[in-house]
C-alpha atoms as a PDB file:
ATOM      1  CA  MET A   1      96.274 109.035 114.546  1.00  0.00           C
ATOM      2  CA  LYS A   2      98.237 112.184 113.526  1.00  0.00           C
ATOM      3  CA  ILE A   3      98.047 112.971 109.899  1.00  0.00           C
ATOM      4  CA  GLU A   4     100.737 113.995 107.872  1.00  0.00           C
ATOM      5  CA  PHE A   5      99.628 116.598 104.908  1.00  0.00           C
ATOM      6  CA  ALA A   6     101.188 117.170 101.701  1.00  0.00           C
ATOM      7  CA  PRO A   7     103.523 120.563 101.510  1.00  0.00           C
ATOM      8  CA  LEU A   8     101.862 123.290 100.239  1.00  0.00           C
ATOM      9  CA  ASN A   9     104.508 124.071  97.864  1.00  0.00           C
ATOM     10  CA  THR A  10     104.551 120.822  96.235  1.00  0.00           C
ATOM     11  CA  PRO A  11     105.457 120.842  92.535  1.00  0.00           C
ATOM     12  CA  LEU A  12     103.165 120.831  89.979  1.00  0.00           C
ATOM     13  CA  SER A  13     104.396 118.158  88.156  1.00  0.00           C
ATOM     14  CA  ARG A  14     104.117 115.882  90.989  1.00  0.00           C
ATOM     15  CA  ARG A  15     100.332 116.823  91.790  1.00  0.00           C
ATOM     16  CA  LEU A  16      99.307 116.008  88.298  1.00  0.00           C
ATOM     17  CA  GLN A  17     101.466 112.601  88.636  1.00  0.00           C
ATOM     18  CA  THR A  18      99.282 112.252  91.845  1.00  0.00           C
ATOM     19  CA  ALA A  19      95.973 112.932  89.700  1.00  0.00           C
ATOM     20  CA  ALA A  20      97.253 110.805  87.194  1.00  0.00           C
ATOM     21  CA  VAL A  21      97.155 107.984  89.523  1.00  0.00           C
ATOM     22  CA  PHE A  22      94.056 109.000  91.100  1.00  0.00           C
ATOM     23  CA  GLN A  23      92.042 108.246  87.959  1.00  0.00           C
ATOM     24  CA  TRP A  24      93.771 105.012  87.350  1.00  0.00           C
ATOM     25  CA  VAL A  25      93.129 103.745  90.923  1.00  0.00           C
ATOM     26  CA  PHE A  26      89.552 105.384  90.420  1.00  0.00           C
ATOM     27  CA  SER A  27      89.394 103.189  86.878  1.00  0.00           C
ATOM     28  CA  PHE A  28      90.269  99.910  88.545  1.00  0.00           C
ATOM     29  CA  LEU A  29      88.185 100.033  91.531  1.00  0.00           C
ATOM     30  CA  LEU A  30      85.104 101.602  90.665  1.00  0.00           C
ATOM     31  CA  LEU A  31      84.821 102.868  87.185  1.00  0.00           C
ATOM     32  CA  ALA A  32      83.249  99.113  86.085  1.00  0.00           C
ATOM     33  CA  GLN A  33      80.732  99.601  88.513  1.00  0.00           C
ATOM     34  CA  CYS A  34      79.955 103.201  87.231  1.00  0.00           C
ATOM     35  CA  CYS A  35      79.795 102.108  83.810  1.00  0.00           C
ATOM     36  CA  VAL A  36      77.055  99.443  84.949  1.00  0.00           C
ATOM     37  CA  GLY A  37      75.153 101.940  86.742  1.00  0.00           C
ATOM     38  CA  ILE A  38      75.104 104.026  84.027  1.00  0.00           C
ATOM     39  CA  PHE A  39      73.671 101.680  81.640  1.00  0.00           C
ATOM     40  CA  LEU A  40      71.042 100.963  84.040  1.00  0.00           C
ATOM     41  CA  MET A  41      70.091 104.635  84.558  1.00  0.00           C
ATOM     42  CA  LEU A  42      69.710 104.334  80.479  1.00  0.00           C
ATOM     43  CA  ILE A  43      67.435 101.502  80.659  1.00  0.00           C
ATOM     44  CA  LEU A  44      65.248 103.105  83.566  1.00  0.00           C
ATOM     45  CA  GLY A  45      65.494 106.313  82.037  1.00  0.00           C
ATOM     46  CA  ARG A  46      64.145 104.917  78.757  1.00  0.00           C
ATOM     47  CA  TYR A  47      66.725 105.801  76.375  1.00  0.00           C
ATOM     48  CA  TRP A  48      65.819 102.851  74.376  1.00  0.00           C
ATOM     49  CA  VAL A  49      67.745 103.764  71.232  1.00  0.00           C
ATOM     50  CA  VAL A  50      71.118 103.957  72.889  1.00  0.00           C
ATOM     51  CA  VAL A  51      70.431 100.531  74.488  1.00  0.00           C
ATOM     52  CA  ALA A  52      69.471  98.765  71.855  1.00  0.00           C
ATOM     53  CA  LEU A  53      72.408 100.150  69.831  1.00  0.00           C
ATOM     54  CA  TYR A  54      74.861  99.629  72.424  1.00  0.00           C
ATOM     55  CA  VAL A  55      73.486  95.850  73.009  1.00  0.00           C
ATOM     56  CA  GLY A  56      73.742  95.080  69.195  1.00  0.00           C
ATOM     57  CA  TRP A  57      77.193  96.359  69.434  1.00  0.00           C
ATOM     58  CA  LEU A  58      78.039  94.163  72.397  1.00  0.00           C
ATOM     59  CA  TYR A  59      76.503  91.299  70.057  1.00  0.00           C
ATOM     60  CA  LEU A  60      78.781  91.950  67.309  1.00  0.00           C
ATOM     61  CA  ASP A  61      81.397  92.551  69.163  1.00  0.00           C
ATOM     62  CA  TRP A  62      81.403  89.840  72.227  1.00  0.00           C
ATOM     63  CA  ASP A  63      84.355  88.084  70.749  1.00  0.00           C
ATOM     64  CA  THR A  64      86.914  90.689  70.329  1.00  0.00           C
ATOM     65  CA  PRO A  65      88.404  90.400  73.817  1.00  0.00           C
ATOM     66  CA  GLN A  66      89.292  86.649  72.933  1.00  0.00           C
ATOM     67  CA  SER A  67      90.274  87.489  69.239  1.00  0.00           C
ATOM     68  CA  GLY A  68      93.339  89.636  69.909  1.00  0.00           C
ATOM     69  CA  GLY A  69      91.276  92.607  71.697  1.00  0.00           C
ATOM     70  CA  ARG A  70      91.094  96.596  70.047  1.00  0.00           C
ATOM     71  CA  ARG A  71      94.164  98.516  71.192  1.00  0.00           C
ATOM     72  CA  SER A  72      94.433 102.130  70.749  1.00  0.00           C
ATOM     73  CA  GLU A  73      97.931 103.849  70.324  1.00  0.00           C
ATOM     74  CA  TRP A  74      95.941 106.844  70.723  1.00  0.00           C
ATOM     75  CA  VAL A  75      95.083 105.847  74.271  1.00  0.00           C
ATOM     76  CA  ARG A  76      98.252 104.341  75.062  1.00  0.00           C
ATOM     77  CA  ASN A  77     100.167 107.487  74.415  1.00  0.00           C
ATOM     78  CA  TRP A  78      97.789 109.678  76.453  1.00  0.00           C
ATOM     79  CA  ILE A  79     100.297 111.937  78.485  1.00  0.00           C
ATOM     80  CA  VAL A  80      98.354 110.919  81.449  1.00  0.00           C
ATOM     81  CA  TRP A  81     100.236 107.562  81.393  1.00  0.00           C
ATOM     82  CA  ARG A  82     103.776 109.498  81.276  1.00  0.00           C
ATOM     83  CA  LEU A  83     102.700 111.251  84.455  1.00  0.00           C
ATOM     84  CA  PHE A  84     101.424 107.496  85.745  1.00  0.00           C
ATOM     85  CA  ARG A  85     104.802 106.181  85.274  1.00  0.00           C
ATOM     86  CA  ASP A  86     107.114 109.226  86.707  1.00  0.00           C
ATOM     87  CA  TYR A  87     104.762 108.992  89.822  1.00  0.00           C
ATOM     88  CA  PHE A  88     106.402 105.904  91.308  1.00  0.00           C
ATOM     89  CA  PRO A  89     108.431 105.816  88.715  1.00  0.00           C
ATOM     90  CA  ILE A  90     107.968 102.572  86.710  1.00  0.00           C
ATOM     91  CA  HIS A  91     111.066 101.037  84.994  1.00  0.00           C
ATOM     92  CA  ILE A  92     111.299  97.926  82.639  1.00  0.00           C
ATOM     93  CA  ILE A  93     114.680  96.225  82.400  1.00  0.00           C
ATOM     94  CA  LYS A  94     115.891  94.387  79.554  1.00  0.00           C
ATOM     95  CA  THR A  95     118.326  91.344  80.446  1.00  0.00           C
ATOM     96  CA  ALA A  96     118.245  89.480  76.865  1.00  0.00           C
ATOM     97  CA  ASP A  97     117.063  90.323  73.032  1.00  0.00           C
ATOM     98  CA  LEU A  98     113.990  88.311  72.268  1.00  0.00           C
ATOM     99  CA  GLU A  99     113.551  87.935  68.584  1.00  0.00           C
ATOM    100  CA  PRO A 100     110.415  88.892  67.116  1.00  0.00           C
ATOM    101  CA  LYS A 101     109.867  85.850  64.750  1.00  0.00           C
ATOM    102  CA  PHE A 102     108.872  83.965  67.796  1.00  0.00           C
ATOM    103  CA  ASN A 103     105.695  84.069  70.187  1.00  0.00           C
ATOM    104  CA  TYR A 104     106.526  84.352  73.925  1.00  0.00           C
ATOM    105  CA  LEU A 105     104.596  83.730  77.050  1.00  0.00           C
ATOM    106  CA  PHE A 106     105.646  86.103  79.559  1.00  0.00           C
ATOM    107  CA  GLY A 107     104.959  84.933  83.240  1.00  0.00           C
ATOM    108  CA  VAL A 108     104.717  88.435  85.616  1.00  0.00           C
ATOM    109  CA  HIS A 109     105.233  87.952  89.072  1.00  0.00           C
ATOM    110  CA  PRO A 110     104.353  89.086  91.675  1.00  0.00           C
ATOM    111  CA  HIS A 111     100.481  89.742  91.166  1.00  0.00           C
ATOM    112  CA  GLY A 112     100.617  92.897  93.896  1.00  0.00           C
ATOM    113  CA  VAL A 113      97.404  94.336  94.644  1.00  0.00           C
ATOM    114  CA  LEU A 114      96.361  96.042  91.576  1.00  0.00           C
ATOM    115  CA  VAL A 115      98.913  94.730  89.284  1.00  0.00           C
ATOM    116  CA  THR A 116     100.549  98.334  88.640  1.00  0.00           C
ATOM    117  CA  GLY A 117     103.840  97.514  87.278  1.00  0.00           C
ATOM    118  CA  ALA A 118     102.412  95.066  84.334  1.00  0.00           C
ATOM    119  CA  PHE A 119      99.818  97.525  83.436  1.00  0.00           C
ATOM    120  CA  GLY A 120     102.514 100.353  83.082  1.00  0.00           C
ATOM    121  CA  ASN A 121     104.841  98.506  81.194  1.00  0.00           C
ATOM    122  CA  PHE A 122     102.549  96.587  79.016  1.00  0.00           C
ATOM    123  CA  CYS A 123      99.254  98.582  78.530  1.00  0.00           C
ATOM    124  CA  THR A 124     100.991 102.014  78.012  1.00  0.00           C
ATOM    125  CA  ASN A 125     103.433 103.229  75.920  1.00  0.00           C
ATOM    126  CA  TYR A 126     105.593 105.197  77.944  1.00  0.00           C
ATOM    127  CA  THR A 127     108.063 102.752  79.754  1.00  0.00           C
ATOM    128  CA  GLY A 128     110.343 101.591  76.687  1.00  0.00           C
ATOM    129  CA  PHE A 129     108.703  98.418  75.982  1.00  0.00           C
ATOM    130  CA  LYS A 130     108.511  98.943  71.997  1.00  0.00           C
ATOM    131  CA  GLU A 131     112.158 100.455  71.932  1.00  0.00           C
ATOM    132  CA  LEU A 132     113.581  97.457  74.018  1.00  0.00           C
ATOM    133  CA  PHE A 133     111.832  94.705  72.024  1.00  0.00           C
ATOM    134  CA  PRO A 134     111.336  95.889  68.579  1.00  0.00           C
ATOM    135  CA  GLY A 135     108.917  94.049  66.546  1.00  0.00           C
ATOM    136  CA  LEU A 136     107.143  92.686  69.876  1.00  0.00           C
ATOM    137  CA  LYS A 137     103.702  93.156  70.673  1.00  0.00           C
ATOM    138  CA  ALA A 138     102.342  92.591  74.477  1.00  0.00           C
ATOM    139  CA  TYR A 139      98.776  91.480  75.253  1.00  0.00           C
ATOM    140  CA  LEU A 140      97.936  91.657  79.046  1.00  0.00           C
ATOM    141  CA  HIS A 141      95.508  88.882  79.804  1.00  0.00           C
ATOM    142  CA  ILE A 142      92.776  89.837  82.687  1.00  0.00           C
ATOM    143  CA  ILE A 143      89.880  87.831  83.888  1.00  0.00           C
ATOM    144  CA  PRO A 144      87.115  87.874  81.509  1.00  0.00           C
ATOM    145  CA  PHE A 145      84.715  88.909  84.193  1.00  0.00           C
ATOM    146  CA  TRP A 146      85.704  92.497  83.355  1.00  0.00           C
ATOM    147  CA  PHE A 147      84.737  92.473  79.448  1.00  0.00           C
ATOM    148  CA  MET A 148      81.379  91.668  80.654  1.00  0.00           C
ATOM    149  CA  CYS A 149      80.861  95.394  81.933  1.00  0.00           C
ATOM    150  CA  PRO A 150      79.220  97.578  79.279  1.00  0.00           C
ATOM    151  CA  PHE A 151      81.122 100.685  78.168  1.00  0.00           C
ATOM    152  CA  PHE A 152      83.907  99.538  80.685  1.00  0.00           C
ATOM    153  CA  ARG A 153      84.851  96.889  78.095  1.00  0.00           C
ATOM    154  CA  GLU A 154      85.785  99.401  75.810  1.00  0.00           C
ATOM    155  CA  TYR A 155      88.173 101.167  77.820  1.00  0.00           C
ATOM    156  CA  ALA A 156      90.117  98.080  78.846  1.00  0.00           C
ATOM    157  CA  LEU A 157      90.217  96.767  75.150  1.00  0.00           C
ATOM    158  CA  SER A 158      91.492 100.217  74.407  1.00  0.00           C
ATOM    159  CA  VAL A 159      95.053  99.984  76.426  1.00  0.00           C
ATOM    160  CA  GLY A 160      95.485  96.450  75.120  1.00  0.00           C
ATOM    161  CA  LEU A 161      93.792  94.622  77.828  1.00  0.00           C
ATOM    162  CA  VAL A 162      92.317  90.966  76.684  1.00  0.00           C
ATOM    163  CA  SER A 163      90.851  88.265  77.889  1.00  0.00           C
ATOM    164  CA  ALA A 164      92.694  85.335  80.153  1.00  0.00           C
ATOM    165  CA  SER A 165      90.662  82.548  78.604  1.00  0.00           C
ATOM    166  CA  LYS A 166      92.044  79.732  76.904  1.00  0.00           C
ATOM    167  CA  LYS A 167      90.793  81.029  73.518  1.00  0.00           C
ATOM    168  CA  SER A 168      92.221  84.435  73.901  1.00  0.00           C
ATOM    169  CA  VAL A 169      95.678  83.102  74.952  1.00  0.00           C
ATOM    170  CA  THR A 170      95.513  80.653  72.011  1.00  0.00           C
ATOM    171  CA  HIS A 171      94.693  83.228  69.637  1.00  0.00           C
ATOM    172  CA  VAL A 172      97.651  85.338  70.565  1.00  0.00           C
ATOM    173  CA  LEU A 173     100.350  82.857  70.825  1.00  0.00           C
ATOM    174  CA  ASP A 174      98.985  80.942  67.409  1.00  0.00           C
ATOM    175  CA  ASN A 175     100.298  83.617  65.395  1.00  0.00           C
ATOM    176  CA  GLU A 176     102.542  82.347  62.675  1.00  0.00           C
ATOM    177  CA  LYS A 177     104.605  85.285  61.939  1.00  0.00           C
ATOM    178  CA  GLY A 178     105.373  85.753  65.680  1.00  0.00           C
ATOM    179  CA  GLY A 179     105.912  88.940  67.465  1.00  0.00           C
ATOM    180  CA  ASN A 180     103.107  88.224  70.012  1.00  0.00           C
ATOM    181  CA  ALA A 181     103.776  88.153  73.591  1.00  0.00           C
ATOM    182  CA  ALA A 182     100.940  87.077  75.908  1.00  0.00           C
ATOM    183  CA  VAL A 183     101.468  88.550  79.375  1.00  0.00           C
ATOM    184  CA  ILE A 184     100.009  86.473  82.165  1.00  0.00           C
ATOM    185  CA  VAL A 185     100.011  87.199  85.985  1.00  0.00           C
ATOM    186  CA  ILE A 186     100.526  83.724  87.161  1.00  0.00           C
ATOM    187  CA  GLY A 187      99.479  84.172  90.766  1.00  0.00           C
ATOM    188  CA  GLY A 188      96.553  85.288  89.697  1.00  0.00           C
ATOM    189  CA  ALA A 189      93.811  86.961  92.112  1.00  0.00           C
ATOM    190  CA  GLU A 190      94.758  84.675  94.984  1.00  0.00           C
ATOM    191  CA  GLU A 191      98.460  85.827  94.922  1.00  0.00           C
ATOM    192  CA  ALA A 192      96.769  89.404  95.403  1.00  0.00           C
ATOM    193  CA  LEU A 193      95.928  88.249  99.091  1.00  0.00           C
ATOM    194  CA  ASP A 194      99.736  87.591  99.991  1.00  0.00           C
ATOM    195  CA  ALA A 195     100.501  91.155  98.528  1.00  0.00           C
ATOM    196  CA  HIS A 196     101.962  92.576 101.935  1.00  0.00           C
ATOM    197  CA  LEU A 197     105.128  94.862 102.277  1.00  0.00           C
ATOM    198  CA  GLY A 198     108.039  92.851 102.113  1.00  0.00           C
ATOM    199  CA  ASN A 199     106.215  89.480 100.996  1.00  0.00           C
ATOM    200  CA  LEU A 200     108.139  87.320  98.407  1.00  0.00           C
ATOM    201  CA  THR A 201     105.507  84.391  98.490  1.00  0.00           C
ATOM    202  CA  LEU A 202     104.306  83.195  94.947  1.00  0.00           C
ATOM    203  CA  ASN A 203     101.423  81.254  94.028  1.00  0.00           C
ATOM    204  CA  ILE A 204     102.645  79.176  91.571  1.00  0.00           C
ATOM    205  CA  LEU A 205     103.633  75.494  92.584  1.00  0.00           C
ATOM    206  CA  LYS A 206     100.048  74.137  91.098  1.00  0.00           C
ATOM    207  CA  ARG A 207      99.899  76.616  88.605  1.00  0.00           C
ATOM    208  CA  LYS A 208     100.974  74.652  85.329  1.00  0.00           C
ATOM    209  CA  GLY A 209      98.372  75.523  82.728  1.00  0.00           C
ATOM    210  CA  PHE A 210     100.486  78.017  81.129  1.00  0.00           C
ATOM    211  CA  ILE A 211     103.413  75.443  80.734  1.00  0.00           C
ATOM    212  CA  LYS A 212     101.062  73.564  79.088  1.00  0.00           C
ATOM    213  CA  VAL A 213      99.721  76.260  76.593  1.00  0.00           C
ATOM    214  CA  ALA A 214     103.313  77.412  76.185  1.00  0.00           C
ATOM    215  CA  LEU A 215     104.571  73.792  74.978  1.00  0.00           C
ATOM    216  CA  LYS A 216     101.533  73.067  72.708  1.00  0.00           C
ATOM    217  CA  HIS A 217     101.982  76.478  71.177  1.00  0.00           C
ATOM    218  CA  GLY A 218     106.009  76.459  71.198  1.00  0.00           C
ATOM    219  CA  ALA A 219     105.853  79.765  72.653  1.00  0.00           C
ATOM    220  CA  HIS A 220     109.107  80.684  74.320  1.00  0.00           C
ATOM    221  CA  LEU A 221     108.482  81.487  78.137  1.00  0.00           C
ATOM    222  CA  VAL A 222     109.886  84.452  79.777  1.00  0.00           C
ATOM    223  CA  PRO A 223     109.961  85.114  83.809  1.00  0.00           C
ATOM    224  CA  VAL A 224     109.325  88.621  84.558  1.00  0.00           C
ATOM    225  CA  PHE A 225     109.758  89.837  88.083  1.00  0.00           C
ATOM    226  CA  SER A 226     108.450  93.199  89.276  1.00  0.00           C
ATOM    227  CA  PHE A 227     110.642  94.633  92.277  1.00  0.00           C
ATOM    228  CA  GLY A 228     108.531  96.906  94.601  1.00  0.00           C
ATOM    229  CA  GLU A 229     105.083  95.694  93.427  1.00  0.00           C
ATOM    230  CA  ASN A 230     104.354  94.399  96.842  1.00  0.00           C
ATOM    231  CA  GLU A 231     105.658  97.848  98.454  1.00  0.00           C
ATOM    232  CA  LEU A 232     102.682 100.123  96.998  1.00  0.00           C
ATOM    233  CA  PHE A 233     100.161  99.168  99.718  1.00  0.00           C
ATOM    234  CA  GLN A 234      99.644  97.941 103.139  1.00  0.00           C
ATOM    235  CA  GLN A 235      97.321  95.207 103.257  1.00  0.00           C
ATOM    236  CA  VAL A 236      95.022  94.282 106.378  1.00  0.00           C
ATOM    237  CA  PRO A 237      97.060  90.753 108.016  1.00  0.00           C
ATOM    238  CA  ASN A 238      95.125  87.999 106.638  1.00  0.00           C
ATOM    239  CA  PRO A 239      97.519  84.932 107.684  1.00  0.00           C
ATOM    240  CA  LYS A 240      96.164  81.572 105.993  1.00  0.00           C
ATOM    241  CA  GLY A 241      93.155  80.100 108.480  1.00  0.00           C
ATOM    242  CA  SER A 242      92.133  83.539 109.693  1.00  0.00           C
ATOM    243  CA  LEU A 243      88.592  84.050 109.458  1.00  0.00           C
ATOM    244  CA  LEU A 244      89.037  87.023 106.951  1.00  0.00           C
ATOM    245  CA  ARG A 245      91.518  85.360 105.057  1.00  0.00           C
ATOM    246  CA  THR A 246      88.689  82.308 104.336  1.00  0.00           C
ATOM    247  CA  VAL A 247      86.294  84.814 103.570  1.00  0.00           C
ATOM    248  CA  GLN A 248      88.217  86.307 100.744  1.00  0.00           C
ATOM    249  CA  GLU A 249      89.226  83.298  99.513  1.00  0.00           C
ATOM    250  CA  LYS A 250      85.465  81.944  99.397  1.00  0.00           C
ATOM    251  CA  LEU A 251      84.279  85.524  97.494  1.00  0.00           C
ATOM    252  CA  GLN A 252      87.426  85.081  95.235  1.00  0.00           C
ATOM    253  CA  GLN A 253      86.249  81.183  94.389  1.00  0.00           C
ATOM    254  CA  ILE A 254      82.713  82.695  93.865  1.00  0.00           C
ATOM    255  CA  MET A 255      83.261  85.861  91.762  1.00  0.00           C
ATOM    256  CA  GLY A 256      86.442  85.157  90.162  1.00  0.00           C
ATOM    257  CA  PHE A 257      88.587  87.714  91.701  1.00  0.00           C
ATOM    258  CA  SER A 258      89.801  88.753  95.134  1.00  0.00           C
ATOM    259  CA  MET A 259      89.183  91.391  97.318  1.00  0.00           C
ATOM    260  CA  PRO A 260      92.248  92.379  99.662  1.00  0.00           C
ATOM    261  CA  LEU A 261      91.594  94.994 102.318  1.00  0.00           C
ATOM    262  CA  PHE A 262      94.399  97.651 101.685  1.00  0.00           C
ATOM    263  CA  HIS A 263      95.396 101.170 102.177  1.00  0.00           C
ATOM    264  CA  GLY A 264      97.726 103.330 101.171  1.00  0.00           C
ATOM    265  CA  ARG A 265      98.372 107.243 101.270  1.00  0.00           C
ATOM    266  CA  GLY A 266      95.815 110.010 100.315  1.00  0.00           C
ATOM    267  CA  ILE A 267      95.806 112.782  97.637  1.00  0.00           C
ATOM    268  CA  PHE A 268      96.620 115.554  99.677  1.00  0.00           C
ATOM    269  CA  GLN A 269      98.135 114.012 102.976  1.00  0.00           C
ATOM    270  CA  TYR A 270     100.481 110.722 103.261  1.00  0.00           C
ATOM    271  CA  SER A 271      98.528 108.946 106.279  1.00  0.00           C
ATOM    272  CA  PHE A 272      95.719 106.979 104.828  1.00  0.00           C
ATOM    273  CA  GLY A 273      94.056 106.508 101.615  1.00  0.00           C
ATOM    274  CA  LEU A 274      93.564 104.251  98.285  1.00  0.00           C
ATOM    275  CA  MET A 275      96.550 105.780  96.647  1.00  0.00           C
ATOM    276  CA  PRO A 276      99.602 103.980  96.393  1.00  0.00           C
ATOM    277  CA  TYR A 277     102.768 104.764  97.810  1.00  0.00           C
ATOM    278  CA  ARG A 278     105.833 106.848  95.615  1.00  0.00           C
ATOM    279  CA  LYS A 279     107.830 103.259  95.771  1.00  0.00           C
ATOM    280  CA  PRO A 280     109.901 102.474  92.785  1.00  0.00           C
ATOM    281  CA  ILE A 281     108.457  99.491  90.394  1.00  0.00           C
ATOM    282  CA  ASN A 282     111.393  97.941  88.444  1.00  0.00           C
ATOM    283  CA  THR A 283     110.182  95.239  86.184  1.00  0.00           C
ATOM    284  CA  VAL A 284     112.958  92.899  85.029  1.00  0.00           C
ATOM    285  CA  VAL A 285     112.469  90.760  81.760  1.00  0.00           C
ATOM    286  CA  GLY A 286     114.278  87.607  81.824  1.00  0.00           C
ATOM    287  CA  LYS A 287     115.968  85.386  79.418  1.00  0.00           C
ATOM    288  CA  PRO A 288     113.399  83.255  76.796  1.00  0.00           C
ATOM    289  CA  ILE A 289     113.414  79.410  77.654  1.00  0.00           C
ATOM    290  CA  VAL A 290     113.129  77.804  74.518  1.00  0.00           C
ATOM    291  CA  ILE A 291     110.167  75.909  73.979  1.00  0.00           C
ATOM    292  CA  VAL A 292     110.005  73.389  70.960  1.00  0.00           C
ATOM    293  CA  ARG A 293     106.027  72.700  70.172  1.00  0.00           C
ATOM    294  CA  ASN A 294     104.776  70.125  71.571  1.00  0.00           C
ATOM    295  CA  GLU A 295     100.652  69.457  70.930  1.00  0.00           C
ATOM    296  CA  ASN A 296     100.525  66.724  73.273  1.00  0.00           C
ATOM    297  CA  PRO A 297     103.188  67.116  76.297  1.00  0.00           C
ATOM    298  CA  THR A 298     103.076  64.283  78.913  1.00  0.00           C
ATOM    299  CA  VAL A 299     102.472  65.102  82.633  1.00  0.00           C
ATOM    300  CA  GLU A 300     106.530  64.571  83.022  1.00  0.00           C
ATOM    301  CA  GLU A 301     107.342  67.101  80.185  1.00  0.00           C
ATOM    302  CA  ILE A 302     104.891  69.669  81.926  1.00  0.00           C
ATOM    303  CA  GLU A 303     106.394  69.168  85.406  1.00  0.00           C
ATOM    304  CA  GLN A 304     110.014  69.231  84.069  1.00  0.00           C
ATOM    305  CA  LEU A 305     109.523  72.521  82.144  1.00  0.00           C
ATOM    306  CA  HIS A 306     107.700  73.832  85.116  1.00  0.00           C
ATOM    307  CA  LYS A 307     110.743  73.030  87.434  1.00  0.00           C
ATOM    308  CA  LYS A 308     113.059  74.766  85.354  1.00  0.00           C
ATOM    309  CA  TYR A 309     110.629  77.810  84.815  1.00  0.00           C
ATOM    310  CA  LEU A 310     110.878  78.208  88.686  1.00  0.00           C
ATOM    311  CA  GLU A 311     114.637  77.679  88.552  1.00  0.00           C
ATOM    312  CA  GLU A 312     115.038  80.488  86.013  1.00  0.00           C
ATOM    313  CA  LEU A 313     112.908  82.606  87.819  1.00  0.00           C
ATOM    314  CA  ARG A 314     114.257  82.136  91.062  1.00  0.00           C
ATOM    315  CA  ALA A 315     117.869  82.817  89.179  1.00  0.00           C
ATOM    316  CA  LEU A 316     116.384  85.884  87.976  1.00  0.00           C
ATOM    317  CA  PHE A 317     115.551  87.184  91.251  1.00  0.00           C
ATOM    318  CA  GLU A 318     118.755  86.396  92.893  1.00  0.00           C
ATOM    319  CA  GLU A 319     120.670  88.094  90.241  1.00  0.00           C
ATOM    320  CA  HIS A 320     118.923  91.333  90.620  1.00  0.00           C
ATOM    321  CA  LYS A 321     117.242  91.709  94.147  1.00  0.00           C
ATOM    322  CA  GLY A 322     120.614  93.527  95.460  1.00  0.00           C
ATOM    323  CA  LYS A 323     119.876  96.250  92.909  1.00  0.00           C
ATOM    324  CA  PHE A 324     116.594  97.145  94.010  1.00  0.00           C
ATOM    325  CA  GLY A 325     116.886  96.760  97.907  1.00  0.00           C
ATOM    326  CA  VAL A 326     116.096  93.446  98.450  1.00  0.00           C
ATOM    327  CA  PRO A 327     118.123  92.122 101.793  1.00  0.00           C
ATOM    328  CA  GLU A 328     120.676  89.608 100.928  1.00  0.00           C
ATOM    329  CA  HIS A 329     119.069  86.771 102.882  1.00  0.00           C
ATOM    330  CA  ASP A 330     115.665  87.304 101.573  1.00  0.00           C
ATOM    331  CA  THR A 331     114.527  84.637  98.611  1.00  0.00           C
ATOM    332  CA  LEU A 332     111.231  83.814  96.846  1.00  0.00           C
ATOM    333  CA  ILE A 333     108.905  81.329  98.507  1.00  0.00           C
ATOM    334  CA  PHE A 334     107.188  79.139  96.303  1.00  0.00           C
ATOM    335  CA  THR A 335     103.826  78.058  97.318  1.00  0.00           C
END
């Protein structure tokens, strides 16, 4: 295989952008394992005081990921996130005003391999979310497993990540003053296995829990679509029914997160590696679907709202796909 190396005269700004994205990929794929390793080394090295203090901290702080988290604006303003944004680049597009007196549930699509667009827009302060939606505070929900990893959980909390548990989502949406947005990647880990170049398949037909939650808390539903999310990596072919896909789905059921086999480019060459391609991500925030609080919604009411959500999501995609290079004949596929 011919290797295409990056030019030696690549501008420093682009090299810094690459470094910023490398640290993010490392954090996403390996930092949790490294943190667990460090914790074990502390135990084996008999640093009992450090271990005891941290375990005590975990005991006192265990519920934080389910009670709004502990974001640090200092961390979210790190210059590395501006470089991260500019690498792709990542943009957020507003289509309607969102009144801060209400709470919102953002349904983000698609998952992609590493949820890059959602992280860039809702866990950093460099794509303009706060300026476009003043008074609104976004909470990106991820699987609770990551908050069980010592040390790593502190990093995750600092950028504004919170647990995807029912208790956590309820805490965000129960704010009587409004101004909160629970950001949920609806397709979840299962959808990551469909993150192929050009693929527009969304795992959503059976996912109705977010609809029920929105109704019970009176949170307005907002469809969000990130154009370009599935163009960042190439994934090994894994059609449903194949041996690879069967193994991946079994692992996902056991561990709670999926393991797509993917590759992108490298740091100093463009032919292979785990770095994402430099493809733009344009995250379009749709118009809110107004929800009236209903603490005991019927199955019919959930089905009706779910159908309306799908219609609004498709309309959002169709309205904007031409602006971001999606062929006219391509459309969303709901599974």
